[in-house]
Amino acid sequence: MADIAIPKDLWDVGKTPEGIVANWFFTEGGSVAEGATVAEIMVEKSTFDITAPSAGRLHISVPKDGVVKPGAVIGHIDSA
């Protein structure tokens, strides 16, 4: 199992402490390839792509529009 985490240095938390999961590009339980863009994080008016750390089945922990902070685990991938 591999966690899908938001990089701790993705944005300046001094200016904006939180962001939201703007979109998931795969459904719960869907198969994803390593390196595929699985989610999009929105902070203020900027968006950041989050990629799959490994291939397998996606399990979503934070739903679309959920509030997140850098370092947060938003889902995980079970090996196929």
Protein backbone atom coordinates (compact mmCIF):
# COMPACT_ATOMS: atom_id res chain seq x y z
CA MET A 1 0.00 0.00 0.00
CA ALA A 2 1.30 3.47 -0.90
CA ASP A 3 -0.03 6.70 0.54
CA ILE A 4 -1.00 9.56 -1.74
CA ALA A 5 0.29 12.55 0.20
CA ILE A 6 0.38 16.22 -0.59
CA PRO A 7 4.02 17.36 -0.68
CA LYS A 8 4.86 19.36 2.44
CA ASP A 9 6.35 22.21 0.42
CA LEU A 10 3.67 22.40 -2.29
CA TRP A 11 2.55 25.90 -1.28
CA ASP A 12 3.42 28.62 1.24
CA VAL A 13 1.34 27.86 4.34
CA GLY A 14 2.30 31.25 5.76
CA LYS A 15 0.08 32.86 3.13
CA THR A 16 -2.56 30.14 2.72
CA PRO A 17 -2.74 27.42 5.37
CA GLU A 18 -5.24 25.18 3.58
CA GLY A 19 -6.36 24.08 0.14
CA ILE A 20 -9.11 21.83 -1.21
CA VAL A 21 -9.25 18.69 -3.30
CA ALA A 22 -10.64 20.25 -6.47
CA ASN A 23 -10.98 17.01 -8.42
CA TRP A 24 -10.27 13.31 -8.45
CA PHE A 25 -9.50 11.96 -11.93
CA PHE A 26 -10.21 8.33 -11.03
CA THR A 27 -13.06 6.75 -9.09
CA GLU A 28 -12.81 4.87 -5.81
CA GLY A 29 -11.38 1.41 -6.52
CA GLY A 30 -10.24 2.39 -10.00
CA SER A 31 -6.95 1.15 -11.42
CA VAL A 32 -4.21 3.75 -11.77
CA ALA A 33 -0.74 3.67 -13.29
CA GLU A 34 2.34 4.86 -11.44
CA GLY A 35 2.85 8.57 -12.16
CA ALA A 36 -0.71 9.15 -13.36
CA THR A 37 -2.31 12.39 -12.22
CA VAL A 38 -4.94 11.22 -9.75
CA ALA A 39 -6.06 14.46 -8.08
CA GLU A 40 -5.96 18.21 -8.37
CA ILE A 41 -5.46 20.48 -5.36
CA MET A 42 -6.63 24.10 -5.45
CA VAL A 43 -5.01 26.74 -3.28
CA GLU A 44 -6.34 30.26 -3.75
CA LYS A 45 -6.43 30.50 -7.56
CA SER A 46 -3.61 28.02 -8.23
CA THR A 47 -3.97 24.30 -8.93
CA PHE A 48 -1.48 21.50 -8.31
CA ASP A 49 -1.52 17.99 -9.76
CA ILE A 50 -1.01 15.04 -7.43
CA THR A 51 0.41 11.90 -9.01
CA ALA A 52 0.12 8.23 -8.09
CA PRO A 53 3.22 6.98 -6.24
CA SER A 54 2.65 3.44 -7.56
CA ALA A 55 0.30 1.41 -9.72
CA GLY A 56 -2.77 -0.30 -8.27
CA ARG A 57 -6.27 0.37 -7.00
CA LEU A 58 -7.13 3.87 -5.77
CA HIS A 59 -8.74 4.41 -2.37
CA ILE A 60 -9.87 7.97 -1.64
CA SER A 61 -9.57 9.29 1.94
CA VAL A 62 -10.46 12.95 1.33
CA PRO A 63 -13.40 13.55 -1.01
CA LYS A 64 -13.72 16.25 -3.64
CA ASP A 65 -13.98 19.69 -1.97
CA GLY A 66 -12.34 18.31 1.20
CA VAL A 67 -9.99 20.68 3.03
CA VAL A 68 -6.32 19.66 3.10
CA LYS A 69 -2.96 20.88 4.36
CA PRO A 70 0.53 20.14 3.03
CA GLY A 71 1.67 16.69 4.13
CA ALA A 72 -1.89 15.36 4.37
CA VAL A 73 -2.62 11.86 3.10
CA ILE A 74 -5.59 12.12 0.74
CA GLY A 75 -5.74 8.50 -0.37
CA HIS A 76 -3.74 5.36 -0.92
CA ILE A 77 -3.06 2.78 -3.57
CA ASP A 78 -3.19 -0.96 -3.02
CA SER A 79 -0.91 -2.99 -5.22
CA ALA A 80 -2.74 -4.64 -8.09
